[in-house]
Structure formats: structure tokens, C-alpha cells
Amino acid sequence: MAESNPQLQGVPMNELKRHLNTILEAIVALCPSRNYTSQFISFLPDEYAAIYDMFPEFLSDRAFREKLARLLGLSLGPRIELIPGSFAAKLRPIIDMVHQLLNDDGFRQEWDALLKENRAEAVPNPLHEWVVIKAQVARNDPVIGPAASKILTVFKNPNEGNTSICGESGTLPAPRMAATADELSNQLQVPLSDIQDALDFLCSKVYLIEKVTEGTDASSSRHRYRLASEVRPEWMSEP
């Protein structure tokens, strides 16, 4: 009779929980709030100069830059693009999956209860961590930072002193208040050009704000802005 594979035999419960925790730690380690390479990939594609300013360590050395581009699958030019089917392109949806999975409060609480003897801290919410990091990036930007900080503060608590930017009816249900750039400019007493530059950054660079187009034709359409669907307003309260 063939010998049984010892790896298929039962293991003690503590050992089993250790392996479960290892899987949890492994997927968390992929997330941009915990991994600098994932941060770099998450900001792509973008202009080469903008990425260089944010991540000079990845791009300043030519030999390292070229090897990194081959391994991750990056197209280097005036813009840095992700090559379809590359390592980096395949990693992005995995990160999104982990973010969605661990953004479920009930899911994390169940894991906390199961692994309470194996973990020194609660199971983290990497999406929450990443949103806070990106908000800090926006607030600390030397050009758009002041306006971006004020915009994020408005969206943090839409029903507190901001009735002038709640649309024609005067009210919009929290937390998805939406406002035009003009409304934000008037409410915050910030030049419209500064507001628009900050909104462009928040929409297209850090993806904290999303743009909604109202109207069906060019002559009557206008853009309103609101927190991205995955961003909870209370997260904007954190420094």
C-alpha cells in the first residue's frame, strides 16, 4: 500500500490558523498602502515627469529603470504606460479585488474573531489606508494642495454649513453630495481656476473625486463633482 502524503494529514488548529493568517498577510502585503512598488504601479499610467517627481527611486538609475520596465511590463516614453498582459497590468485587478474584499467591515470582523489569538492587531482595511495616503498626497501638493484640502473638507461633511453647494433643491442626500466647480469656488472663496486644477488632480491623479455629467447635449451639459464611490466621507477627516 502506498504511503500517505504527510502534507495531507490533519494539522493542529493553531497551525491551521497560522496558515490562514499567512494568506491574509500575503494579500495585504500586495496593497499600495503596504507596498511601495504597488504604490508606483497604482499611479500609472501618467506623464513620465510627474511619476519621476513622485518616485525618483524607480527611475533615476538608467540600468535599474530599464530592468524594472522589462520585469513589470512598462512602456517608457513621455508617458509611462502599462503594457497589456504584463505583470503590472495583471497585478492591478488583484489589488482592486483585495481592496474590495477587505473594505467589507463584517468580513474583517469575522476574520478578527477567528484569528484573534494569531494576530497582534485587527485585520486592516487597505483601501481605507490607501485613500488616506492619496488624500495626504493631494493636500501636500505645493500647487493644488490648498484648494484640494478645502474641497476634501467640504465633501467630508456635506450637510454641515454647505447648503449653497447642494444643488438647485438646496439639499442632496449624504454622503454623495455633488457640486459644480463654480459652486465650490463660490462656497470656498477660492478662484475658479484653482478649484478646477485641484478637481482635475483629485479626479485623474488620485481618484478621490469623480465627475458626473448632467445633460445630454453639449450646449446644456455641465459637470458636477462628488466623492468617488469607494471613498467614505469620514475618511476625509483624517490627517
Protein backbone atom coordinates (compact mmCIF):
# COMPACT_ATOMS: atom_id res chain seq x y z
CA MET A 1 0.00 0.00 0.00
CA ALA A 2 1.30 3.41 -0.94
CA GLU A 3 2.32 5.67 1.93
CA SER A 4 0.06 8.62 2.63
CA ASN A 5 1.32 12.10 1.90
CA PRO A 6 2.10 13.67 5.29
CA GLN A 7 1.12 17.09 3.93
CA LEU A 8 -2.47 15.84 3.55
CA GLN A 9 -2.76 14.71 7.16
CA GLY A 10 -4.50 16.82 9.77
CA VAL A 11 -2.70 19.70 11.45
CA PRO A 12 -3.30 21.27 14.87
CA MET A 13 -5.86 24.09 14.92
CA ASN A 14 -3.26 26.67 15.94
CA GLU A 15 -1.11 25.69 12.96
CA LEU A 16 -4.10 25.84 10.62
CA LYS A 17 -4.94 29.34 11.84
CA ARG A 18 -1.32 30.36 11.36
CA HIS A 19 -1.56 29.32 7.70
CA LEU A 20 -4.83 31.21 7.30
CA ASN A 21 -3.20 34.31 8.76
CA THR A 22 -0.26 33.89 6.40
CA ILE A 23 -2.63 34.10 3.42
CA LEU A 24 -4.26 37.19 4.89
CA GLU A 25 -0.89 38.86 5.49
CA ALA A 26 0.23 37.97 1.97
CA ILE A 27 -2.71 39.66 0.22
CA VAL A 28 -2.45 42.71 2.48
CA ALA A 29 1.24 42.99 1.58
CA LEU A 30 0.29 43.43 -2.09
CA CYS A 31 -1.67 46.60 -1.38
CA PRO A 32 -0.23 50.06 -2.12
CA SER A 33 -0.63 51.27 1.46
CA ARG A 34 1.78 48.47 2.49
CA ASN A 35 3.99 48.14 -0.60
CA TYR A 36 5.95 50.91 -2.32
CA THR A 37 6.12 49.08 -5.65
CA SER A 38 2.34 48.70 -5.64
CA GLN A 39 2.07 52.44 -4.96
CA PHE A 40 4.22 53.12 -8.02
CA ILE A 41 2.11 50.83 -10.21
CA SER A 42 -1.16 52.25 -8.86
CA PHE A 43 -0.32 55.76 -10.08
CA LEU A 44 0.20 54.54 -13.66
CA PRO A 45 -0.33 55.44 -16.41
CA ASP A 46 0.81 59.05 -16.14
CA GLU A 47 3.27 61.56 -17.51
CA TYR A 48 6.90 60.47 -17.06
CA ALA A 49 7.85 63.76 -15.38
CA ALA A 50 5.00 63.51 -12.87
CA ILE A 51 5.89 59.93 -11.92
CA TYR A 52 9.59 60.84 -11.71
CA ASP A 53 8.76 63.59 -9.21
CA MET A 54 6.76 61.14 -7.08
CA PHE A 55 9.00 58.06 -7.40
CA PRO A 56 12.54 59.10 -8.36
CA GLU A 57 13.95 55.93 -6.79
CA PHE A 58 12.39 53.83 -9.55
CA LEU A 59 13.51 55.99 -12.46
CA SER A 60 16.72 57.87 -11.67
CA ASP A 61 19.12 54.98 -12.38
CA ARG A 62 19.00 54.06 -16.07
CA ALA A 63 20.01 50.39 -15.73
CA PHE A 64 17.54 49.79 -12.90
CA ARG A 65 14.80 51.70 -14.74
CA GLU A 66 15.17 49.61 -17.89
CA LYS A 67 15.25 46.31 -15.98
CA LEU A 68 12.23 47.34 -13.94
CA ALA A 69 10.34 48.26 -17.11
CA ARG A 70 11.04 44.80 -18.57
CA LEU A 71 10.04 42.92 -15.41
CA LEU A 72 6.90 44.91 -14.59
CA GLY A 73 5.89 45.46 -18.19
CA LEU A 74 6.09 49.24 -18.55
CA SER A 75 6.30 51.31 -21.69
CA LEU A 76 8.63 54.25 -21.02
CA GLY A 77 8.22 57.44 -23.02
CA PRO A 78 6.70 60.88 -22.44
CA ARG A 79 4.10 58.83 -20.57
CA ILE A 80 4.64 55.65 -18.60
CA GLU A 81 2.07 53.08 -19.68
CA LEU A 82 1.21 49.58 -18.50
CA ILE A 83 1.75 47.01 -21.26
CA PRO A 84 -1.41 44.86 -21.63
CA GLY A 85 -0.92 41.39 -20.15
CA SER A 86 2.19 42.40 -18.22
CA PHE A 87 2.96 41.67 -14.57
CA ALA A 88 1.96 45.18 -13.52
CA ALA A 89 -1.23 45.13 -15.59
CA LYS A 90 -2.26 41.80 -14.03
CA LEU A 91 -1.40 42.99 -10.51
CA ARG A 92 -3.75 45.98 -10.66
CA PRO A 93 -7.03 43.99 -10.66
CA ILE A 94 -5.68 41.76 -7.88
CA ILE A 95 -5.09 44.86 -5.75
CA ASP A 96 -8.60 46.10 -6.56
CA MET A 97 -10.02 42.72 -5.52
CA VAL A 98 -8.20 42.79 -2.18
CA HIS A 99 -9.34 46.37 -1.57
CA GLN A 100 -12.97 45.44 -2.20
CA LEU A 101 -12.75 42.28 -0.11
CA LEU A 102 -11.21 43.91 2.96
CA ASN A 103 -13.36 47.02 2.72
CA ASP A 104 -16.24 44.86 3.98
CA ASP A 105 -16.40 45.60 7.72
CA GLY A 106 -18.28 42.39 8.52
CA PHE A 107 -15.79 40.27 6.59
CA ARG A 108 -12.86 41.75 8.53
CA GLN A 109 -14.67 41.29 11.85
CA GLU A 110 -15.21 37.60 11.14
CA TRP A 111 -11.51 37.15 10.41
CA ASP A 112 -10.63 39.08 13.56
CA ALA A 113 -12.81 36.72 15.63
CA LEU A 114 -11.29 33.62 14.02
CA LEU A 115 -7.66 34.74 14.27
CA LYS A 116 -7.72 36.78 17.49
CA GLU A 117 -5.07 34.53 19.05
CA ASN A 118 -2.83 34.71 15.98
CA ARG A 119 -2.81 38.44 15.30
CA ALA A 120 -1.42 41.33 17.32
CA GLU A 121 -3.73 43.80 15.58
CA ALA A 122 -7.07 43.85 13.82
CA VAL A 123 -7.28 42.91 10.15
CA PRO A 124 -6.61 46.21 8.32
CA ASN A 125 -8.66 47.92 5.65
CA PRO A 126 -6.02 48.59 2.95
CA LEU A 127 -8.43 50.65 0.83
CA HIS A 128 -9.04 52.98 3.77
CA GLU A 129 -5.29 53.27 4.30
CA TRP A 130 -4.70 53.99 0.60
CA VAL A 131 -7.41 56.66 0.42
CA VAL A 132 -5.87 58.44 3.42
CA ILE A 133 -2.42 58.31 1.78
CA LYS A 134 -3.76 59.71 -1.50
CA ALA A 135 -5.59 62.47 0.35
CA GLN A 136 -2.29 63.40 2.02
CA VAL A 137 -0.60 63.45 -1.40
CA ALA A 138 -3.24 65.87 -2.66
CA ARG A 139 -3.18 68.09 0.43
CA ASN A 140 0.63 68.28 0.41
CA ASP A 141 0.96 69.14 -3.28
CA PRO A 142 2.67 72.55 -3.48
CA VAL A 143 0.42 73.74 -6.35
CA ILE A 144 -3.08 72.35 -5.82
CA GLY A 145 -2.76 71.39 -2.14
CA PRO A 146 -4.56 74.34 -0.50
CA ALA A 147 -7.57 74.14 -2.82
CA ALA A 148 -7.66 70.32 -2.71
CA SER A 149 -7.65 70.35 1.10
CA LYS A 150 -10.65 72.69 1.17
CA ILE A 151 -12.54 70.62 -1.40
CA LEU A 152 -11.98 67.39 0.54
CA THR A 153 -13.11 69.10 3.74
CA VAL A 154 -16.37 70.14 2.05
CA PHE A 155 -17.09 66.61 0.86
CA LYS A 156 -16.17 65.20 4.27
CA ASN A 157 -19.34 66.62 5.84
CA PRO A 158 -21.74 67.73 3.10
CA ASN A 159 -24.67 68.71 5.32
CA GLU A 160 -22.77 70.98 7.69
CA GLY A 161 -22.73 74.59 6.57
CA ASN A 162 -22.61 73.81 2.85
CA THR A 163 -26.21 74.30 1.73
CA SER A 164 -25.09 76.61 -1.07
CA ILE A 165 -23.44 73.71 -2.89
CA CYS A 166 -26.21 71.16 -2.53
CA GLY A 167 -27.83 71.74 -5.89
CA GLU A 168 -30.91 73.60 -7.02
CA SER A 169 -33.21 71.93 -4.48
CA GLY A 170 -30.97 73.08 -1.61
CA THR A 171 -30.39 69.55 -0.38
CA LEU A 172 -28.80 66.36 -1.58
CA PRO A 173 -28.70 63.10 0.37
CA ALA A 174 -25.45 62.46 2.21
CA PRO A 175 -22.90 61.11 1.60
CA ARG A 176 -22.94 61.62 -2.19
CA MET A 177 -23.27 65.38 -2.32
CA ALA A 178 -22.31 66.73 -5.73
CA ALA A 179 -21.24 70.25 -6.67
CA THR A 180 -20.08 72.14 -9.73
CA ALA A 181 -16.70 73.83 -9.83
CA ASP A 182 -18.46 77.22 -9.73
CA GLU A 183 -20.40 76.25 -6.62
CA LEU A 184 -17.24 75.08 -4.88
CA SER A 185 -15.41 78.26 -5.89
CA ASN A 186 -18.17 80.47 -4.50
CA GLN A 187 -18.57 78.49 -1.28
CA LEU A 188 -14.85 78.23 -0.54
CA GLN A 189 -13.90 81.69 -1.82
CA VAL A 190 -11.15 80.18 -3.96
CA PRO A 191 -10.50 81.27 -7.59
CA LEU A 192 -12.27 79.05 -10.08
CA SER A 193 -9.03 78.22 -11.90
CA ASP A 194 -7.51 76.91 -8.64
CA ILE A 195 -10.62 74.86 -7.92
CA GLN A 196 -10.60 73.37 -11.41
CA ASP A 197 -6.90 72.46 -11.22
CA ALA A 198 -7.46 70.77 -7.86
CA LEU A 199 -10.52 68.89 -9.13
CA ASP A 200 -8.58 67.66 -12.16
CA PHE A 201 -5.87 66.31 -9.85
CA LEU A 202 -8.38 64.71 -7.47
CA CYS A 203 -10.21 63.08 -10.40
CA SER A 204 -7.41 61.95 -12.68
CA LYS A 205 -4.38 61.51 -10.41
CA VAL A 206 -5.55 60.21 -7.03
CA TYR A 207 -9.12 59.19 -7.95
CA LEU A 208 -10.74 60.56 -4.80
CA ILE A 209 -13.34 62.59 -6.69
CA GLU A 210 -15.46 61.53 -9.66
CA LYS A 211 -17.01 63.74 -12.32
CA VAL A 212 -20.67 63.34 -13.28
CA THR A 213 -22.02 64.90 -16.46
CA GLU A 214 -25.57 66.25 -16.34
CA GLY A 215 -27.49 66.87 -19.54
CA THR A 216 -27.40 65.05 -22.86
CA ASP A 217 -26.12 67.64 -25.31
CA ALA A 218 -23.05 69.86 -25.31
CA SER A 219 -24.98 73.12 -25.03
CA SER A 220 -26.82 72.17 -21.83
CA SER A 221 -24.49 69.67 -20.13
CA ARG A 222 -22.46 70.53 -17.06
CA HIS A 223 -20.14 68.67 -14.73
CA ARG A 224 -20.73 68.03 -11.06
CA TYR A 225 -18.17 66.50 -8.72
CA ARG A 226 -18.60 64.11 -5.81
CA LEU A 227 -16.55 61.70 -3.74
CA ALA A 228 -15.62 58.56 -5.63
CA SER A 229 -17.99 55.69 -4.88
CA GLU A 230 -15.38 53.73 -2.92
CA VAL A 231 -14.43 56.67 -0.66
CA ARG A 232 -16.25 57.08 2.63
CA PRO A 233 -16.73 60.75 3.68
CA GLU A 234 -15.43 60.10 7.21
CA TRP A 235 -12.07 59.04 5.75
CA MET A 236 -11.54 62.65 4.65
CA SER A 237 -11.37 63.70 8.30
CA GLU A 238 -8.02 62.02 8.83
CA PRO A 239 -4.73 63.97 8.56
